[in-house]
Amino acid sequence: MPSRTPSFAAVDLGATSGRVMVGRADADSLRLTEVHRFANRPVELPDGLRWDMVGLYGDVLEGLAHAARAAGGVASLGIDSWAVDYGLLDGSGRLLGTPYHYRDGRTEGVAARLDGVLPAEELYEVTGLQHLPFNTVYQLAAEAGTPQFGLARTLLLVPDLLTYWLTGSVGAEATNASTTGLFDARRGGWSYPVAERLGIPRGLLPPLRFPGDSAGTLRPAVAAATGLPEGTPVTAVASHDTASAVVAVPAADEAFAYVSCGTWSLAGLELQAPVIDEPARAANFTNERGVDGTIRFLRNIMGLWLLTETLRTWRARGLPAELGPLLDEAAAAEPFAALVDPDDPSFLPPGDMPERIAEYCARTGQRPPRGQGAVVRCVLESLALAHRSVLRTAAELAGREVRVVHLVGGGSRNELLCRLTADATGLPVVAGPAEATALGNVLVQARAFGLVPDVRAMRALVARSQPLRRYEPSGTERAWSAAAARVGLR
């Protein structure tokens, strides 16, 4: 007999994999079940690295069919994904080409070129956005002058594109729109003056939606393909996956920092207003939108990408690549033997990560790590140092006291990383939930249906219902300070 608690489908797309989850949520309970998981593999075409967006859409439809069977129907569904990447539609609503992957090299040198048109200081004054070479604004500048760009009439970020294919409804959800470099961080809307100054037609930017808004209902063909009823609502969630994850941070008060740790580590604070000044720009901090107009004041850190690429390289060479035994080796390896800056540009593209780590160590006067466990320890200690540096800087720039770090996402399952982060920051680390993004997706849908009153209640529900683990710092501040100084961090 079906549960009386409404079910919601959360489509959660990461940069390397995606899944469809069914969540049941009300004021007293929160349960999450994975019904479909699939790989997200980019495709190297002759003209660059692309996303297999049509394949992803097929997997979304399959996942929704699993959700329909598992839950006997859903009250609504919502989509979140990574940021910055997009598809362009022509005047008939057809996709113009396969969307580029943000790791494609086409944006190399674009930021410097645009700086002559709109200086970085002026751009930051409006957008408050961290400089990343693959920000949407730079991708669009790289695309300008192509036949596709000339035909384009609408830009849709990845979750908005998939929502359009499901519903036929065009819109841009604000938490993801705020990552583009075309969003006014203070006003909370598109910055048409920035777009026009950079030669981006304002008509490309669709109407904004906000978390909890309706994003339409399933088209009849989608209903037939999935087994969900025609008219099933699609809800605009916090469609930037980090914004969804922050909703599910089980914080009890405002004195917290978060690290949403997966392919990337997004480390920062939740604020009520943006911090847009020269110190924040110089520190390369971003002011992205969260739920209810909050600000995600954070920096992107390269994250567990270094580890996953390392494991992929070893696997291709026929070397042991099981994470559990390697973490045991790393825990026993010599501390601080080799350290890297995870955000060094050499680590951004796909490739031989162990070799790049060795090259970084060589050019910085360090002995490269010897043995697989030593490489893993190098990656995790370096990432913990980056967490420390970013969170300390964020607290200083925002004038905020931090008493606890919440580490959510897949990285919360990595006990060694959690322990190292607690030691590096000198603060307790509460690890979990691992499925924070999908939980945040479900919770925003549940609030839209009147089942959860506000974000405070959402977080309290997560704290009551999800497994969490607390790590206390071991008091090795002096050693971590010395290690941070070696790689130019604080």
Protein backbone atom coordinates (compact mmCIF):
# COMPACT_ATOMS: atom_id res chain seq x y z
CA MET A 1 0.00 0.00 0.00
CA PRO A 2 1.57 3.36 -1.03
CA SER A 3 2.89 5.62 1.70
CA ARG A 4 0.69 8.58 2.61
CA THR A 5 3.82 10.72 2.70
CA PRO A 6 4.17 12.43 -0.72
CA SER A 7 7.03 11.31 -2.93
CA PHE A 8 9.29 13.64 -4.91
CA ALA A 9 11.75 12.75 -7.67
CA ALA A 10 15.16 14.43 -7.49
CA VAL A 11 17.25 14.39 -10.65
CA ASP A 12 20.80 15.08 -9.48
CA LEU A 13 23.47 15.42 -12.17
CA GLY A 14 27.14 15.59 -11.27
CA ALA A 15 30.11 16.13 -13.53
CA THR A 16 30.96 12.40 -13.61
CA SER A 17 27.69 10.66 -12.77
CA GLY A 18 24.00 11.26 -12.34
CA ARG A 19 21.18 9.66 -10.42
CA VAL A 20 17.48 9.85 -9.88
CA MET A 21 16.34 9.63 -6.27
CA VAL A 22 12.89 9.33 -4.75
CA GLY A 23 12.43 11.28 -1.54
CA ARG A 24 9.58 11.27 0.91
CA ALA A 25 9.42 14.30 3.13
CA ASP A 26 7.07 15.98 5.54
CA ALA A 27 7.49 17.87 8.80
CA ASP A 28 8.48 14.72 10.70
CA SER A 29 10.27 12.39 8.28
CA LEU A 30 12.77 12.43 5.43
CA ARG A 31 13.70 9.33 3.45
CA LEU A 32 15.67 9.01 0.25
CA THR A 33 15.96 6.04 -2.14
CA GLU A 34 18.16 5.82 -5.22
CA VAL A 35 16.25 4.35 -8.15
CA HIS A 36 18.67 4.92 -11.04
CA ARG A 37 22.35 5.78 -11.33
CA PHE A 38 24.25 6.38 -14.56
CA ALA A 39 27.62 7.56 -15.81
CA ASN A 40 28.09 11.06 -17.20
CA ARG A 41 30.87 10.66 -19.74
CA PRO A 42 32.04 13.62 -21.81
CA VAL A 43 32.84 13.02 -25.45
CA GLU A 44 36.00 14.28 -27.17
CA LEU A 45 34.92 15.44 -30.63
CA PRO A 46 37.21 16.90 -33.31
CA ASP A 47 36.22 20.42 -32.25
CA GLY A 48 36.44 19.96 -28.50
CA LEU A 49 35.21 18.30 -25.33
CA ARG A 50 31.42 18.04 -25.20
CA TRP A 51 28.65 16.74 -22.94
CA ASP A 52 26.50 13.88 -24.19
CA MET A 53 23.38 15.85 -23.41
CA VAL A 54 21.00 13.69 -25.41
CA GLY A 55 22.33 10.61 -23.63
CA LEU A 56 21.86 12.33 -20.27
CA TYR A 57 18.28 13.18 -21.17
CA GLY A 58 17.67 9.54 -22.03
CA ASP A 59 19.03 8.52 -18.63
CA VAL A 60 16.81 11.10 -16.92
CA LEU A 61 13.75 9.64 -18.65
CA GLU A 62 14.79 6.12 -17.64
CA GLY A 63 15.32 7.27 -14.06
CA LEU A 64 11.90 8.91 -13.95
CA ALA A 65 10.37 5.66 -15.21
CA HIS A 66 12.07 3.85 -12.32
CA ALA A 67 10.73 6.53 -9.95
CA ALA A 68 7.20 6.07 -11.28
CA ARG A 69 7.37 2.32 -10.63
CA ALA A 70 9.08 2.62 -7.24
CA ALA A 71 6.84 5.32 -5.81
CA GLY A 72 3.59 4.76 -7.67
CA GLY A 73 3.80 8.33 -8.96
CA VAL A 74 5.39 11.48 -7.58
CA ALA A 75 3.97 14.78 -6.39
CA SER A 76 6.60 16.62 -8.45
CA LEU A 77 10.15 16.40 -9.72
CA GLY A 78 13.12 18.77 -9.75
CA ILE A 79 16.51 18.90 -11.48
CA ASP A 80 19.88 20.12 -10.19
CA SER A 81 23.29 19.92 -11.85
CA TRP A 82 26.71 21.48 -12.10
CA ALA A 83 26.96 25.12 -13.16
CA VAL A 84 28.21 27.31 -16.04
CA ASP A 85 27.59 24.98 -19.02
CA TYR A 86 24.68 25.62 -21.36
CA GLY A 87 22.87 24.87 -24.60
CA LEU A 88 21.80 27.40 -27.21
CA LEU A 89 18.37 27.18 -28.83
CA ASP A 90 17.35 28.63 -32.18
CA GLY A 91 14.10 30.48 -32.81
CA SER A 92 12.22 27.20 -33.11
CA GLY A 93 13.49 25.90 -29.79
CA ARG A 94 15.95 23.43 -31.32
CA LEU A 95 19.32 22.78 -29.70
CA LEU A 96 22.20 24.23 -31.71
CA GLY A 97 24.98 21.68 -31.38
CA THR A 98 26.19 19.58 -28.48
CA PRO A 99 27.00 21.67 -25.35
CA TYR A 100 30.65 22.16 -24.51
CA HIS A 101 32.25 20.80 -21.35
CA TYR A 102 33.71 23.44 -19.04
CA ARG A 103 37.09 21.65 -19.12
CA ASP A 104 37.39 22.24 -22.87
CA GLY A 105 40.30 24.51 -23.74
CA ARG A 106 38.39 26.98 -25.93
CA THR A 107 38.26 29.65 -23.20
CA GLU A 108 42.03 29.90 -22.84
CA GLY A 109 43.00 33.57 -23.02
CA VAL A 110 39.40 34.79 -23.34
CA ALA A 111 39.28 36.45 -19.90
CA ALA A 112 42.34 38.56 -20.71
CA ARG A 113 40.76 39.63 -23.98
CA LEU A 114 37.47 40.63 -22.33
CA ASP A 115 39.35 42.55 -19.67
CA GLY A 116 40.05 45.18 -22.32
CA VAL A 117 36.31 45.60 -22.89
CA LEU A 118 35.10 45.29 -19.31
CA PRO A 119 37.88 45.30 -16.69
CA ALA A 120 37.76 42.51 -14.14
CA GLU A 121 37.30 44.99 -11.30
CA GLU A 122 34.18 46.45 -12.93
CA LEU A 123 32.78 43.02 -13.75
CA TYR A 124 33.25 41.89 -10.14
CA GLU A 125 31.59 45.06 -8.84
CA VAL A 126 28.38 43.95 -10.54
CA THR A 127 28.51 40.15 -10.46
CA GLY A 128 30.61 39.45 -7.35
CA LEU A 129 31.68 36.27 -9.13
CA GLN A 130 34.88 34.32 -8.61
CA HIS A 131 37.13 34.39 -11.64
CA LEU A 132 37.22 30.97 -13.25
CA PRO A 133 38.41 30.66 -16.85
CA PHE A 134 35.35 28.60 -17.81
CA ASN A 135 32.63 30.90 -16.43
CA THR A 136 29.66 31.08 -18.79
CA VAL A 137 30.49 34.62 -19.80
CA TYR A 138 33.89 33.48 -21.12
CA GLN A 139 32.40 30.47 -22.87
CA LEU A 140 29.94 32.73 -24.66
CA ALA A 141 32.74 35.08 -25.69
CA ALA A 142 34.63 32.09 -27.11
CA GLU A 143 31.53 31.10 -29.07
CA ALA A 144 30.79 34.57 -30.44
CA GLY A 145 31.15 34.73 -34.21
CA THR A 146 30.27 31.09 -34.83
CA PRO A 147 27.25 30.15 -36.96
CA GLN A 148 25.55 28.63 -33.92
CA PHE A 149 25.91 31.82 -31.92
CA GLY A 150 24.46 33.83 -34.77
CA LEU A 151 21.38 31.61 -34.86
CA ALA A 152 20.93 31.45 -31.07
CA ARG A 153 17.84 32.98 -29.52
CA THR A 154 17.83 31.43 -26.04
CA LEU A 155 20.53 30.29 -23.60
CA LEU A 156 19.59 27.51 -21.18
CA LEU A 157 21.93 26.21 -18.50
CA VAL A 158 22.04 22.42 -18.15
CA PRO A 159 19.16 21.93 -15.66
CA ASP A 160 17.05 24.53 -17.48
CA LEU A 161 17.66 22.76 -20.80
CA LEU A 162 16.54 19.41 -19.40
CA THR A 163 13.52 21.06 -17.79
CA TYR A 164 12.64 22.59 -21.16
CA TRP A 165 12.80 19.19 -22.85
CA LEU A 166 10.56 17.73 -20.14
CA THR A 167 7.98 20.53 -20.07
CA GLY A 168 8.38 22.83 -23.06
CA SER A 169 8.69 25.71 -20.58
CA VAL A 170 11.62 28.16 -20.88
CA GLY A 171 13.23 29.74 -17.83
CA ALA A 172 16.48 30.23 -15.91
CA GLU A 173 16.65 29.22 -12.25
CA ALA A 174 18.39 31.93 -10.22
CA THR A 175 20.93 29.94 -8.17
CA ASN A 176 22.48 28.60 -11.36
CA ALA A 177 22.05 31.86 -13.28
CA SER A 178 24.13 33.55 -10.59
CA THR A 179 27.19 31.51 -11.69
CA THR A 180 27.23 32.83 -15.25
CA GLY A 181 29.00 36.20 -14.86
CA LEU A 182 25.85 37.86 -16.26
CA PHE A 183 23.94 38.18 -12.97
CA ASP A 184 23.75 41.24 -10.73
CA ALA A 185 24.69 39.96 -7.27
CA ARG A 186 23.11 42.88 -5.42
CA ARG A 187 19.84 43.13 -7.36
CA GLY A 188 19.37 39.39 -7.79
CA GLY A 189 18.59 39.53 -11.52
CA TRP A 190 20.25 39.48 -14.93
CA SER A 191 22.67 42.33 -15.60
CA TYR A 192 21.66 43.42 -19.08
CA PRO A 193 24.26 46.23 -19.12
CA VAL A 194 27.05 43.67 -18.59
CA ALA A 195 25.64 41.41 -21.30
CA GLU A 196 25.31 44.21 -23.82
CA ARG A 197 28.75 45.60 -23.06
CA LEU A 198 30.25 42.18 -23.78
CA GLY A 199 28.26 41.74 -27.00
CA ILE A 200 25.85 39.14 -25.60
CA PRO A 201 22.29 39.84 -26.80
CA ARG A 202 19.98 40.39 -23.84
CA GLY A 203 17.35 38.28 -25.58
CA LEU A 204 19.46 35.18 -24.94
CA LEU A 205 18.73 35.44 -21.21
CA PRO A 206 15.38 33.84 -20.34
CA PRO A 207 13.01 34.86 -17.53
CA LEU A 208 14.24 33.96 -14.07
CA ARG A 209 12.72 31.37 -11.77
CA PHE A 210 13.40 30.95 -8.08
CA PRO A 211 13.52 27.84 -5.88
CA GLY A 212 9.99 26.62 -5.29
CA ASP A 213 8.52 28.20 -8.43
CA SER A 214 6.62 26.08 -10.93
CA ALA A 215 8.66 25.10 -13.98
CA GLY A 216 5.71 23.62 -15.87
CA THR A 217 4.29 20.12 -16.19
CA LEU A 218 5.43 17.05 -18.09
CA ARG A 219 4.71 17.00 -21.80
CA PRO A 220 2.40 14.16 -22.92
CA ALA A 221 5.27 12.41 -24.72
CA VAL A 222 7.40 12.50 -21.57
CA ALA A 223 4.51 11.17 -19.49
CA ALA A 224 4.10 8.30 -21.93
CA ALA A 225 7.85 7.53 -21.88
CA THR A 226 8.13 7.52 -18.08
CA GLY A 227 4.79 6.23 -16.87
CA LEU A 228 4.24 9.38 -14.84
CA PRO A 229 0.83 11.03 -15.21
CA GLU A 230 0.35 13.85 -17.68
CA GLY A 231 0.43 17.12 -15.80
CA THR A 232 2.97 15.93 -13.22
CA PRO A 233 4.48 19.17 -11.89
CA VAL A 234 8.13 20.08 -12.37
CA THR A 235 9.36 22.34 -9.57
CA ALA A 236 12.27 24.76 -9.87
CA VAL A 237 14.59 23.65 -7.08
CA ALA A 238 17.93 25.23 -6.22
CA SER A 239 19.23 23.94 -9.53
CA HIS A 240 22.91 24.62 -8.84
CA ASP A 241 23.89 21.42 -7.05
CA THR A 242 25.83 23.32 -4.38
CA ALA A 243 22.83 25.52 -3.62
CA SER A 244 20.75 22.38 -3.09
CA ALA A 245 23.49 20.88 -0.91
CA VAL A 246 23.63 23.97 1.31
CA VAL A 247 19.88 23.67 1.95
CA ALA A 248 20.58 20.26 3.50
CA VAL A 249 23.48 21.38 5.73
CA PRO A 250 22.29 20.27 9.20
CA ALA A 251 23.34 23.49 10.94
CA ALA A 252 21.72 24.57 14.20
CA ASP A 253 22.64 28.27 13.97
CA GLU A 254 24.50 30.76 11.75
CA ALA A 255 28.02 30.16 13.12
CA PHE A 256 28.88 27.49 10.59
CA ALA A 257 30.94 27.05 7.46
CA TYR A 258 30.34 24.40 4.85
CA VAL A 259 32.35 22.34 2.42
CA SER A 260 30.30 20.67 -0.30
CA CYS A 261 32.85 18.10 -1.35
CA GLY A 262 32.76 16.06 -4.53
CA THR A 263 34.49 16.57 -7.87
CA TRP A 264 34.87 20.15 -6.63
CA SER A 265 35.06 21.40 -3.06
CA LEU A 266 32.83 24.43 -2.58
CA ALA A 267 33.90 25.97 0.71
CA GLY A 268 32.35 29.00 2.32
CA LEU A 269 29.59 30.66 4.32
CA GLU A 270 25.90 31.39 4.01
CA LEU A 271 25.28 35.15 4.22
CA GLN A 272 22.30 37.47 3.96
CA ALA A 273 24.05 39.96 1.66
CA PRO A 274 26.95 39.78 -0.79
CA VAL A 275 30.49 40.81 0.09
CA ILE A 276 31.67 42.78 -2.93
CA ASP A 277 34.83 44.72 -2.27
CA GLU A 278 38.44 44.68 -3.38
CA PRO A 279 39.66 42.25 -0.67
CA ALA A 280 36.96 39.74 -1.69
CA ARG A 281 37.84 40.14 -5.37
CA ALA A 282 41.56 39.81 -4.68
CA ALA A 283 40.87 36.62 -2.70
CA ASN A 284 38.76 35.36 -5.65
CA PHE A 285 35.58 34.77 -3.65
CA THR A 286 32.20 34.38 -5.27
CA ASN A 287 28.75 35.62 -4.26
CA GLU A 288 26.26 33.15 -5.67
CA ARG A 289 22.57 32.92 -4.86
CA GLY A 290 21.11 30.44 -2.44
CA VAL A 291 17.55 29.66 -1.41
CA ASP A 292 15.45 32.60 -0.18
CA GLY A 293 17.87 35.20 -1.51
CA THR A 294 20.77 34.09 0.65
CA ILE A 295 24.33 34.38 -0.62
CA ARG A 296 26.75 31.50 -0.99
CA PHE A 297 30.00 33.30 -0.23
CA LEU A 298 32.56 30.74 -1.25
CA ARG A 299 35.48 29.67 -3.36
CA ASN A 300 35.69 26.75 -5.73
CA ILE A 301 38.54 24.36 -4.93
CA MET A 302 39.57 21.65 -7.39
CA GLY A 303 38.35 18.99 -4.94
CA LEU A 304 38.32 15.22 -5.26
CA TRP A 305 38.84 15.54 -9.01
CA LEU A 306 42.54 15.09 -8.27
CA LEU A 307 41.85 11.79 -6.53
CA THR A 308 39.36 10.42 -9.05
CA GLU A 309 41.68 11.24 -11.96
CA THR A 310 44.55 9.62 -10.05
CA LEU A 311 42.51 6.45 -9.55
CA ARG A 312 41.43 6.46 -13.20
CA THR A 313 45.05 6.73 -14.34
CA TRP A 314 46.15 3.86 -12.09
CA ARG A 315 43.24 1.74 -13.24
CA ALA A 316 44.20 2.30 -16.87
CA ARG A 317 47.74 1.16 -16.07
CA GLY A 318 46.53 -1.99 -14.36
CA LEU A 319 47.60 -0.77 -10.90
CA PRO A 320 45.54 -1.24 -7.71
CA ALA A 321 42.83 1.43 -7.61
CA GLU A 322 40.46 0.35 -4.85
CA LEU A 323 39.94 3.39 -2.65
CA GLY A 324 39.55 1.61 0.71
CA PRO A 325 42.99 -0.05 0.81
CA LEU A 326 44.62 3.07 -0.65
CA LEU A 327 43.11 5.21 2.13
CA ASP A 328 44.55 2.79 4.68
CA GLU A 329 47.97 3.18 3.04
CA ALA A 330 47.54 6.96 2.99
CA ALA A 331 46.65 7.06 6.68
CA ALA A 332 49.91 5.26 7.47
CA ALA A 333 52.04 7.38 5.11
CA GLU A 334 54.41 10.12 6.28
CA PRO A 335 52.54 13.38 7.02
CA PHE A 336 53.27 16.45 4.87
CA ALA A 337 55.90 14.64 2.79
CA ALA A 338 54.63 16.38 -0.36
CA LEU A 339 51.97 19.05 -0.84
CA VAL A 340 50.36 20.73 -3.84
CA ASP A 341 48.05 23.65 -4.49
CA PRO A 342 44.88 21.85 -5.71
CA ASP A 343 43.93 24.89 -7.78
CA ASP A 344 47.11 24.94 -9.84
CA PRO A 345 45.95 25.21 -13.49
CA SER A 346 47.90 22.08 -14.43
CA PHE A 347 45.35 19.98 -12.52
CA LEU A 348 42.26 21.26 -14.38
CA PRO A 349 42.22 19.18 -17.60
CA PRO A 350 41.71 15.41 -17.66
CA GLY A 351 44.95 13.46 -17.81
CA ASP A 352 47.73 11.72 -15.92
CA MET A 353 47.22 13.21 -12.46
CA PRO A 354 50.00 11.28 -10.64
CA GLU A 355 52.50 12.55 -13.19
CA ARG A 356 51.23 16.12 -12.85
CA ILE A 357 51.53 15.89 -9.06
CA ALA A 358 55.10 14.68 -9.45
CA GLU A 359 55.88 17.52 -11.87
CA TYR A 360 54.38 20.08 -9.47
CA CYS A 361 56.51 18.75 -6.63
CA ALA A 362 59.64 18.83 -8.79
CA ARG A 363 59.15 22.44 -9.85
CA THR A 364 58.44 23.53 -6.26
CA GLY A 365 61.56 21.87 -4.85
CA GLN A 366 59.82 18.91 -3.21
CA ARG A 367 60.48 15.21 -3.54
CA PRO A 368 57.51 13.68 -5.40
CA PRO A 369 55.45 11.24 -3.35
CA ARG A 370 56.72 7.67 -3.52
CA GLY A 371 54.08 4.98 -3.64
CA GLN A 372 50.35 5.07 -4.18
CA GLY A 373 49.48 5.66 -0.54
CA ALA A 374 51.82 8.65 -0.44
CA VAL A 375 50.14 10.14 -3.53
CA VAL A 376 46.70 9.77 -1.96
CA ARG A 377 47.94 11.34 1.28
CA CYS A 378 49.43 14.23 -0.69
CA VAL A 379 46.07 14.86 -2.41
CA LEU A 380 44.00 14.69 0.78
CA GLU A 381 46.35 16.77 2.94
CA SER A 382 46.55 19.38 0.18
CA LEU A 383 42.78 19.48 -0.07
CA ALA A 384 42.43 19.84 3.72
CA LEU A 385 44.90 22.73 3.62
CA ALA A 386 42.84 24.40 0.89
CA HIS A 387 39.68 23.97 3.00
CA ARG A 388 41.49 25.60 5.93
CA SER A 389 42.76 28.55 3.90
CA VAL A 390 39.47 29.29 2.15
CA LEU A 391 37.32 29.05 5.27
CA ARG A 392 39.64 31.25 7.32
CA THR A 393 39.68 33.85 4.57
CA ALA A 394 35.89 33.71 4.15
CA ALA A 395 35.32 34.28 7.86
CA GLU A 396 37.71 37.23 7.88
CA LEU A 397 36.24 38.86 4.76
CA ALA A 398 32.66 38.46 6.00
CA GLY A 399 33.36 39.28 9.65
CA ARG A 400 31.73 36.03 10.66
CA GLU A 401 32.57 33.72 13.57
CA VAL A 402 32.76 30.04 12.60
CA ARG A 403 32.41 27.39 15.29
CA VAL A 404 31.83 24.26 13.20
CA VAL A 405 32.46 23.04 9.65
CA HIS A 406 29.78 20.96 7.92
CA LEU A 407 31.30 18.73 5.25
CA VAL A 408 28.57 17.36 2.99
CA GLY A 409 28.46 15.41 -0.25
CA GLY A 410 30.41 12.36 -1.36
CA GLY A 411 33.57 13.53 0.38
CA SER A 412 31.84 13.14 3.75
CA ARG A 413 32.26 9.36 3.32
CA ASN A 414 36.06 9.79 3.19
CA GLU A 415 36.97 9.46 6.86
CA LEU A 416 40.60 10.42 6.34
CA LEU A 417 39.68 13.62 4.50
CA CYS A 418 37.19 14.56 7.23
CA ARG A 419 39.74 13.94 9.96
CA LEU A 420 42.43 15.91 8.11
CA THR A 421 40.01 18.80 7.53
CA ALA A 422 39.20 18.96 11.26
CA ASP A 423 42.92 18.98 12.10
CA ALA A 424 43.74 21.56 9.43
CA THR A 425 40.95 24.00 10.34
CA GLY A 426 41.21 23.45 14.10
CA LEU A 427 37.41 23.17 14.15
CA PRO A 428 34.98 20.30 14.65
CA VAL A 429 33.84 18.78 11.36
CA VAL A 430 30.35 17.32 11.11
CA ALA A 431 30.36 14.92 8.16
CA GLY A 432 27.16 14.24 6.28
CA PRO A 433 24.78 13.90 4.75
CA ALA A 434 26.50 12.33 1.77
CA GLU A 435 23.36 12.86 -0.31
CA ALA A 436 22.99 16.52 0.62
CA THR A 437 22.29 17.69 -2.93
CA ALA A 438 19.42 15.28 -3.55
CA LEU A 439 18.03 15.94 -0.06
CA GLY A 440 18.07 19.69 -0.67
CA ASN A 441 16.35 19.13 -4.01
CA VAL A 442 13.58 17.09 -2.32
CA LEU A 443 13.21 19.53 0.57
CA VAL A 444 12.64 22.54 -1.70
CA GLN A 445 9.94 20.56 -3.50
CA ALA A 446 8.37 19.55 -0.18
CA ARG A 447 8.27 23.20 0.92
CA ALA A 448 6.63 24.18 -2.36
CA PHE A 449 3.87 21.70 -1.46
CA GLY A 450 3.50 23.16 2.04
CA LEU A 451 5.02 20.18 3.87
CA VAL A 452 8.05 21.92 5.43
CA PRO A 453 7.79 25.56 6.54
CA ASP A 454 11.27 27.00 6.05
CA VAL A 455 15.00 26.33 5.70
CA ARG A 456 15.52 26.18 9.47
CA ALA A 457 12.97 23.36 9.65
CA MET A 458 14.58 21.64 6.66
CA ARG A 459 17.96 21.62 8.37
CA ALA A 460 16.53 20.40 11.66
CA LEU A 461 14.82 17.57 9.77
CA VAL A 462 18.11 16.60 8.12
CA ALA A 463 19.88 16.63 11.50
CA ARG A 464 17.21 14.34 13.01
CA SER A 465 16.89 11.91 10.16
CA GLN A 466 20.30 11.49 8.49
CA PRO A 467 23.46 9.73 9.73
CA LEU A 468 26.12 12.26 10.74
CA ARG A 469 29.59 11.85 12.20
CA ARG A 470 31.59 14.42 14.19
CA TYR A 471 35.39 14.74 14.01
CA GLU A 472 37.23 16.78 16.62
CA PRO A 473 40.59 18.45 15.80
CA SER A 474 43.62 16.69 17.27
CA GLY A 475 45.47 19.85 18.29
CA THR A 476 48.23 19.81 15.64
CA GLU A 477 47.85 23.48 14.70
CA ARG A 478 51.58 24.23 14.55
CA ALA A 479 52.29 21.42 12.08
CA TRP A 480 49.40 22.47 9.83
CA SER A 481 50.47 26.11 9.89
CA ALA A 482 53.96 25.12 8.79
CA ALA A 483 52.53 22.93 6.03
CA ALA A 484 50.24 25.75 4.83
CA ALA A 485 53.20 28.11 4.59
CA ARG A 486 55.00 25.65 2.30
CA VAL A 487 52.31 26.01 -0.37
CA GLY A 488 51.63 29.70 0.19
CA LEU A 489 48.36 29.24 2.08
CA ARG A 490 47.24 30.66 5.41
